[in-house]
Protein backbone atom coordinates (compact mmCIF):
# COMPACT_ATOMS: atom_id res chain seq x y z
CA MET A 1 -57.19 141.08 -33.64
CA ASN A 2 -58.42 137.56 -32.92
CA THR A 3 -55.39 135.22 -32.81
CA LYS A 4 -57.17 132.58 -34.80
CA VAL A 5 -57.97 135.08 -37.56
CA LEU A 6 -54.33 136.21 -37.64
CA TRP A 7 -53.02 132.66 -38.06
CA PHE A 8 -55.62 132.02 -40.74
CA ALA A 9 -54.61 135.19 -42.62
CA LEU A 10 -50.93 134.26 -42.46
CA PHE A 11 -51.74 130.74 -43.64
CA VAL A 12 -53.71 132.10 -46.61
CA LEU A 13 -50.78 134.39 -47.51
CA ALA A 14 -48.21 131.56 -47.45
CA ALA A 15 -50.61 129.19 -49.18
CA GLY A 16 -51.32 131.77 -51.88
CA ILE A 17 -47.62 132.17 -52.71
CA SER A 18 -47.03 128.41 -52.72
CA CYS A 19 -50.15 127.62 -54.76
CA TRP A 20 -49.26 130.30 -57.32
CA ALA A 21 -45.80 128.82 -57.74
CA THR A 22 -47.12 125.25 -57.95
CA SER A 23 -49.85 126.13 -60.46
CA SER A 24 -47.40 128.07 -62.66
CA SER A 25 -44.99 125.13 -62.77
CA LEU A 26 -47.70 122.55 -63.45
CA ILE A 27 -49.04 124.63 -66.35
CA LEU A 28 -45.53 124.83 -67.81
CA LEU A 29 -45.14 121.07 -67.40
CA ILE A 30 -48.57 120.22 -68.88
CA PRO A 31 -49.88 123.20 -70.89
CA SER A 32 -53.20 121.50 -71.66
CA LEU A 33 -53.81 120.23 -68.12
CA PHE A 34 -57.60 119.79 -67.60
CA SER A 35 -58.51 122.03 -70.56
CA SER A 36 -57.09 123.86 -73.56
CA ASN A 37 -59.16 126.87 -72.50
CA PRO A 38 -56.75 129.03 -70.44
CA ILE A 39 -59.45 130.31 -68.04
CA VAL A 40 -60.93 126.87 -67.35
CA ARG A 41 -57.43 125.44 -67.04
CA LEU A 42 -56.38 128.13 -64.55
CA ILE A 43 -59.44 127.57 -62.36
CA MET A 44 -59.07 123.80 -62.36
CA VAL A 45 -55.33 123.91 -61.67
CA TRP A 46 -55.82 126.33 -58.78
CA LEU A 47 -58.50 124.10 -57.24
CA LEU A 48 -56.09 121.18 -57.52
CA VAL A 49 -53.09 122.93 -55.97
CA ILE A 50 -55.19 124.42 -53.14
CA MET A 51 -56.44 120.94 -52.32
CA ILE A 52 -52.87 119.60 -52.41
CA TYR A 53 -51.53 122.38 -50.18
CA VAL A 54 -54.32 122.02 -47.60
CA LEU A 55 -53.78 118.27 -47.56
CA ALA A 56 -50.03 118.80 -47.09
CA SER A 57 -50.73 121.19 -44.20
CA MET A 58 -53.09 118.70 -42.60
CA SER A 59 -50.60 115.88 -42.97
CA MET A 60 -47.90 117.99 -41.29
CA LYS A 61 -50.29 118.60 -38.41
CA TRP A 62 -50.98 114.87 -38.16
CA VAL A 63 -47.25 114.19 -37.91
CA VAL A 64 -46.70 116.85 -35.23
CA ASP A 65 -49.78 115.77 -33.24
CA SER A 66 -48.71 112.14 -33.28
CA ILE A 67 -45.21 113.05 -32.08
CA THR A 68 -46.48 115.38 -29.32
CA ASN A 69 -49.33 113.05 -28.38
CA ASP A 70 -50.54 113.58 -24.83
CA GLY A 71 -52.56 110.39 -24.78
CA THR A 72 -55.70 111.82 -26.33
CA LEU A 73 -55.11 110.30 -29.79
CA ASN A 74 -56.49 106.83 -30.46
CA HIS A 75 -54.10 105.80 -33.24
CA PRO A 76 -50.97 107.97 -33.07
CA LYS A 77 -48.78 105.56 -35.09
CA ALA A 78 -51.29 105.33 -37.90
CA MET A 79 -51.56 109.13 -37.87
CA LEU A 80 -47.77 109.47 -37.94
CA TRP A 81 -47.17 107.10 -40.85
CA GLY A 82 -50.25 108.26 -42.73
CA GLY A 83 -49.20 111.86 -42.26
CA MET A 84 -45.64 111.18 -43.44
CA ALA A 85 -46.85 109.30 -46.52
CA THR A 86 -49.31 112.04 -47.42
CA LEU A 87 -46.68 114.70 -46.79
CA ALA A 88 -44.20 112.90 -49.05
CA VAL A 89 -46.69 112.88 -51.94
CA THR A 90 -48.22 116.33 -51.54
CA TRP A 91 -45.16 118.32 -50.45
CA ILE A 92 -41.94 116.50 -51.36
CA ILE A 93 -43.18 115.25 -54.74
CA VAL A 94 -45.60 117.99 -55.83
CA SER A 95 -45.32 121.29 -53.96
CA LEU A 96 -41.61 121.65 -53.19
CA PRO A 97 -40.06 120.90 -56.62
CA THR A 98 -42.69 122.92 -58.50
CA ASN A 99 -42.29 125.93 -56.22
CA ALA A 100 -38.50 126.01 -56.55
CA HIS A 101 -38.88 125.48 -60.29
CA THR A 102 -41.19 128.48 -60.73
CA PHE A 103 -38.86 130.86 -58.88
CA PHE A 104 -35.81 129.62 -60.80
CA TYR A 105 -37.67 129.52 -64.12
CA ASN A 106 -38.79 133.14 -63.87
CA LEU A 107 -35.19 134.16 -63.25
CA LYS A 108 -33.46 132.03 -65.90
CA ILE A 109 -35.86 131.22 -68.75
CA GLY A 110 -34.60 134.15 -70.82
CA ASP A 111 -31.01 132.93 -70.59
CA VAL A 112 -31.91 129.29 -71.26
CA ILE A 113 -34.04 129.86 -74.35
CA THR A 114 -31.63 132.46 -75.75
CA GLU A 115 -28.71 130.03 -75.45
CA ASP A 116 -30.78 127.19 -76.88
CA LEU A 117 -31.80 129.22 -79.93
CA SER A 118 -28.30 130.58 -80.49
CA THR A 119 -26.53 127.21 -80.20
CA THR A 120 -29.08 125.43 -82.37
CA ARG A 121 -28.87 128.16 -85.00
CA SER A 122 -25.08 127.74 -85.19
CA TYR A 123 -25.42 123.98 -85.77
CA CYS A 124 -28.13 124.49 -88.39
CA GLN A 125 -25.91 127.06 -90.10
CA GLN A 126 -23.15 124.45 -90.36
CA LEU A 127 -25.58 122.18 -92.19
CA ALA A 128 -26.88 125.00 -94.37
CA ASP A 129 -23.31 126.00 -95.34
CA ARG A 130 -22.25 122.36 -95.76
CA SER A 131 -19.11 123.37 -93.92
CA VAL A 132 -18.45 120.08 -92.11
CA VAL A 133 -16.98 117.14 -94.02
CA ASP A 134 -17.47 113.52 -93.00
CA SER A 135 -14.22 112.36 -91.40
CA ALA A 136 -14.22 109.31 -93.72
CA TYR A 137 -13.29 111.67 -96.55
CA ASN A 138 -9.93 112.38 -94.93
CA THR A 139 -9.11 108.68 -95.02
CA LEU A 140 -10.11 108.44 -98.67
CA ARG A 141 -8.10 111.53 -99.59
CA THR A 142 -5.01 110.20 -97.83
CA GLU A 143 -5.26 106.88 -99.66
CA VAL A 144 -5.85 108.58 -103.03
CA LEU A 145 -2.90 110.94 -102.59
CA HIS A 146 -0.70 108.04 -101.57
CA GLU A 147 -1.65 106.21 -104.77
CA TRP A 148 -1.00 109.41 -106.73
CA GLU A 149 2.46 109.59 -105.17
CA LEU A 150 3.12 106.06 -106.39
CA PHE A 151 1.89 107.14 -109.81
CA GLU A 152 4.25 110.12 -109.88
CA ASN A 153 7.18 107.98 -108.79
CA GLU A 154 6.41 105.52 -111.56
CA VAL A 155 6.16 108.31 -114.12
CA LYS A 156 9.44 109.92 -113.07
CA GLY A 157 11.45 106.71 -113.06
CA GLY A 158 9.64 103.42 -112.90
CA HIS A 159 9.75 100.01 -114.56
CA THR A 160 9.82 101.43 -118.11
CA GLY A 161 11.80 104.55 -117.40
CA SER A 162 10.32 108.00 -117.09
CA GLY A 163 6.98 108.68 -118.77
CA PHE A 164 3.39 107.54 -118.70
CA GLY A 165 3.79 103.83 -119.30
CA ARG A 166 1.49 100.92 -118.62
CA TYR A 167 2.60 100.63 -114.97
CA ALA A 168 1.71 104.25 -114.31
CA GLU A 169 -1.65 103.64 -115.94
CA LYS A 170 -2.48 101.02 -113.31
CA HIS A 171 -2.18 103.62 -110.55
CA ILE A 172 -4.59 105.95 -112.36
CA ALA A 173 -7.07 103.09 -112.75
CA LYS A 174 -6.79 102.29 -109.05
CA ILE A 175 -7.46 105.93 -108.12
CA THR A 176 -10.57 105.91 -110.30
CA THR A 177 -11.75 102.76 -108.52
CA MET A 178 -11.16 104.40 -105.12
CA LEU A 179 -13.08 107.52 -106.08
CA GLY A 180 -15.83 105.67 -107.92
CA GLU A 181 -16.51 104.99 -111.56
CA GLU A 182 -18.54 108.20 -111.82
CA TYR A 183 -15.40 110.20 -110.93
CA PRO A 184 -12.83 108.95 -113.49
CA ILE A 185 -9.31 110.29 -113.81
CA PRO A 186 -8.40 110.27 -117.53
CA THR A 187 -5.52 107.98 -118.47
CA PRO A 188 -2.60 110.05 -119.74
CA GLN A 189 -0.96 109.22 -123.04
CA ASN A 190 2.32 107.36 -123.06
CA THR A 191 5.04 110.01 -123.11
CA ASN A 192 8.15 108.10 -122.16
CA LYS A 193 10.23 110.26 -124.51
CA ALA A 194 9.44 113.48 -122.61
CA THR A 195 12.13 115.28 -120.61
CA ASP A 196 12.10 115.23 -116.82
CA LEU A 197 11.03 118.89 -116.69
CA GLU A 198 8.19 118.26 -119.13
CA ILE A 199 7.02 115.27 -117.13
CA THR A 200 7.13 117.19 -113.83
CA ASN A 201 5.14 120.07 -115.28
CA PHE A 202 2.68 117.71 -116.93
CA VAL A 203 2.11 115.75 -113.70
CA ASN A 204 1.55 118.90 -111.66
CA ASN A 205 -0.89 120.30 -114.22
CA TYR A 206 -2.65 116.95 -114.47
CA LYS A 207 -3.05 116.88 -110.71
CA GLN A 208 -4.58 120.37 -110.61
CA ARG A 209 -6.78 119.77 -113.64
CA TYR A 210 -8.17 116.31 -112.88
CA LEU A 211 -7.28 114.86 -109.48
CA PHE A 212 -8.13 117.76 -107.15
CA PRO A 213 -11.40 118.67 -108.93
CA GLN A 214 -12.56 115.05 -108.73
CA LEU A 215 -11.65 114.88 -105.06
CA GLU A 216 -13.68 118.03 -104.43
CA LYS A 217 -16.61 116.63 -106.37
CA VAL A 218 -16.53 113.38 -104.43
CA LYS A 219 -16.34 115.35 -101.17
CA SER A 220 -19.35 117.49 -102.12
CA ASP A 221 -21.44 114.60 -103.41
CA LYS A 222 -20.70 111.92 -100.83
CA TYR A 223 -19.05 113.40 -97.77
CA LYS A 224 -21.11 116.52 -97.09
CA VAL A 225 -24.74 116.83 -96.02
CA ASP A 226 -27.03 116.48 -99.03
CA LEU A 227 -28.60 119.54 -100.59
CA LYS A 228 -32.10 118.72 -99.36
CA CYS A 229 -30.96 118.60 -95.73
CA ALA A 230 -28.95 121.78 -96.24
CA LYS A 231 -32.11 123.50 -97.50
CA GLU A 232 -34.05 122.26 -94.45
CA ALA A 233 -31.30 123.61 -92.20
CA GLN A 234 -31.39 127.00 -93.90
CA ASP A 235 -35.16 127.15 -93.31
CA ASP A 236 -34.49 126.25 -89.66
CA VAL A 237 -32.00 129.11 -89.39
CA GLU A 238 -34.57 131.59 -90.71
CA ARG A 239 -37.26 130.35 -88.30
CA ILE A 240 -34.84 130.49 -85.37
CA VAL A 241 -33.80 134.06 -86.23
CA THR A 242 -37.47 135.07 -86.21
CA MET A 243 -38.00 133.45 -82.80
CA GLU A 244 -34.83 135.06 -81.45
CA ASP A 245 -36.22 138.47 -82.36
CA SER A 246 -39.49 137.71 -80.54
CA ILE A 247 -37.72 136.36 -77.45
CA HIS A 248 -35.33 139.34 -77.32
CA GLN A 249 -38.27 141.73 -77.44
CA LEU A 250 -39.87 139.95 -74.47
CA ILE A 251 -36.60 140.03 -72.54
CA TYR A 252 -36.03 143.73 -73.23
CA ALA A 253 -39.60 144.47 -72.11
CA ASN A 254 -39.03 142.33 -68.98
CA GLU A 255 -42.00 140.15 -69.97
CA ILE A 256 -40.26 136.85 -70.69
CA SER A 257 -41.52 135.22 -67.47
CA ASN A 258 -45.06 136.59 -67.79
CA GLU A 259 -47.94 134.26 -68.53
CA SER A 260 -48.53 136.18 -71.78
CA SER A 261 -45.15 134.95 -73.02
CA GLU A 262 -46.16 131.31 -72.74
CA PRO A 263 -47.39 130.98 -76.39
CA VAL A 264 -44.17 132.52 -77.74
CA ILE A 265 -42.00 130.20 -75.66
CA THR A 266 -44.10 127.21 -76.75
CA GLN A 267 -43.72 128.26 -80.38
CA ALA A 268 -39.97 128.73 -79.97
CA ASP A 269 -39.68 125.30 -78.42
CA GLY A 270 -41.56 123.83 -81.38
CA VAL A 271 -39.10 125.47 -83.79
CA LEU A 272 -36.22 124.13 -81.71
CA LYS A 273 -37.60 120.57 -81.70
CA LEU A 274 -37.88 120.60 -85.49
CA SER A 275 -34.32 121.90 -85.77
CA TYR A 276 -33.09 119.29 -83.28
CA SER A 277 -34.65 116.55 -85.45
CA HIS A 278 -32.85 117.83 -88.56
CA ILE A 279 -29.55 118.10 -86.67
CA LYS A 280 -29.98 114.57 -85.31
CA LYS A 281 -30.60 113.23 -88.83
CA SER A 282 -27.36 114.80 -90.12
CA ALA A 283 -25.31 114.68 -86.92
CA LYS A 284 -22.12 113.48 -88.59
CA TYR A 285 -22.02 116.72 -90.57
CA VAL A 286 -22.09 118.88 -87.42
CA ASP A 287 -19.11 119.91 -85.31
CA PHE A 288 -20.60 119.81 -81.80
CA ASN A 289 -19.30 121.63 -78.73
CA GLY A 290 -18.67 119.69 -75.54
CA ASP A 291 -21.41 117.16 -74.77
CA ASP A 292 -23.94 118.75 -77.10
CA LYS A 293 -23.94 115.74 -79.42
CA LYS A 294 -25.63 113.63 -76.72
CA LEU A 295 -28.32 116.26 -76.32
CA TYR A 296 -29.06 116.66 -80.02
CA THR A 297 -28.98 112.95 -80.88
CA LYS A 298 -31.07 111.50 -78.05
CA ASP A 299 -33.70 108.91 -79.03
CA ASN A 300 -36.45 111.11 -77.64
CA ILE A 301 -35.86 114.71 -78.66
CA GLU A 302 -35.81 117.07 -75.68
CA THR A 303 -34.56 120.60 -76.15
CA ARG A 304 -32.83 122.59 -73.45
CA THR A 305 -35.92 124.78 -73.35
CA SER A 306 -38.47 121.96 -73.01
CA ARG A 307 -36.31 120.35 -70.31
CA PHE A 308 -36.28 123.63 -68.42
CA LEU A 309 -40.10 123.69 -68.53
CA ASN A 310 -40.15 120.46 -66.52
CA PRO A 311 -39.72 120.93 -62.74
CA TYR A 312 -38.58 117.35 -62.22
CA SER A 313 -35.97 117.55 -64.96
CA VAL A 314 -34.66 120.75 -63.39
CA MET A 315 -34.55 119.12 -59.97
CA TRP A 316 -32.74 116.08 -61.41
CA ASP A 317 -30.24 118.29 -63.23
CA PHE A 318 -29.60 120.20 -60.01
CA PHE A 319 -28.76 117.08 -58.02
CA SER A 320 -26.69 115.85 -61.00
CA GLY A 321 -24.59 119.00 -60.87
CA LYS A 322 -25.81 120.33 -64.24
CA ILE A 323 -27.55 123.39 -62.79
CA PRO A 324 -25.81 126.20 -60.86
CA ILE A 325 -25.78 126.02 -57.07
CA THR A 326 -27.91 129.18 -57.04
CA PHE A 327 -30.92 126.90 -57.53
CA SER A 328 -30.45 125.81 -53.91
CA LEU A 329 -31.41 129.34 -52.85
CA TRP A 330 -34.84 128.97 -54.45
CA LEU A 331 -35.16 125.49 -53.02
CA LEU A 332 -34.52 126.96 -49.58
CA VAL A 333 -37.00 129.79 -50.19
CA SER A 334 -39.65 127.23 -51.17
CA ILE A 335 -39.00 125.18 -48.04
CA VAL A 336 -39.27 128.27 -45.82
CA ILE A 337 -42.53 129.40 -47.43
CA ASP A 338 -44.14 125.97 -47.16
CA LEU A 339 -42.96 125.31 -43.60
CA ALA A 340 -44.21 128.75 -42.60
CA GLY A 341 -47.59 127.91 -44.12
CA PHE A 342 -47.68 124.57 -42.30
CA PHE A 343 -46.82 126.31 -39.05
CA PHE A 344 -49.56 128.92 -39.53
CA PHE A 345 -52.03 126.14 -40.34
CA TYR A 346 -51.02 124.25 -37.20
CA GLN A 347 -51.47 127.32 -35.05
CA TRP A 348 -54.83 128.04 -36.66
CA GLN A 349 -55.98 124.45 -36.11
CA LYS A 350 -54.65 124.05 -32.57
CA LYS A 351 -56.80 122.14 -30.14
CA ASN A 352 -58.40 120.26 -33.01
CA ILE A 353 -60.55 123.19 -34.10
CA PRO A 354 -62.45 122.08 -37.26
CA ILE A 355 -60.75 123.24 -40.43
CA PHE A 356 -63.53 125.54 -41.57
CA ASN A 357 -64.84 126.54 -38.16
């Protein structure tokens, strides 16, 4: 076999793998790149990535030729710096991160979107159940119960002796003020002739009949997520459950990383973004795990899933220590594939043979 043909064939093989990985990542990053028509988009993206890869290969050759210059080059320094600049743009910025992203994405997207849906559903369920109470309620309850204790002490042996006198009445009025005029505690009748046992029983019954119910009503009305938001959250839960079923089916069929799954993942991410917005709006009624609050309350909503669709976000998270070290394996694989392609291109183009000769 002609040596030149062999190097060309090897270059095409390496370039094909790299261009596939780059095109897949770019489409995930910008789904409507060039066109909303999937066929037109695919053709245009492939033309772009082929051009980028060939230019990266040429720039690597320029760098090597300038370093190994035997005196035949007219401007070796210009070729060196021009080649390095072009290589930085075409390989370091475009090809390398997108390639590593595609390999890692195909391996992990099922885990990422499953976790994102599950975690978001749990937070939406908290809102739907109205299970989290604003911490300010605890302060109010403590203050109200303290005032009630003063009321009981006054009733059992205060300024006017035991019974519901005018001093005890002031404590009830203060509790009503603390709770709000729409949550009044009825003023008990003056019973300063009652026995201690009668007063104790009356106070306890009064507490169960009026104070605790009003506290619960205040908590429900003012210190829990409102009913409209709870209804929105319940709708979010139902949509997420539907998407979880679809995603699980794709995972079980081993199709989650296929191109055909792209619309389902995009739809799931849309459901997640809507849920994130509702969680952000009612964040104080959600009990977050770890650093999740920062994620769900960011100014610009970005789900775990949408962040994973972005090769540069994944690369940033890797260098920030937020992504497992296993990503470095795919980074290394990408480097090997690209360097192999550059080497095959160099061998094919040795002795300044024209590119398409």
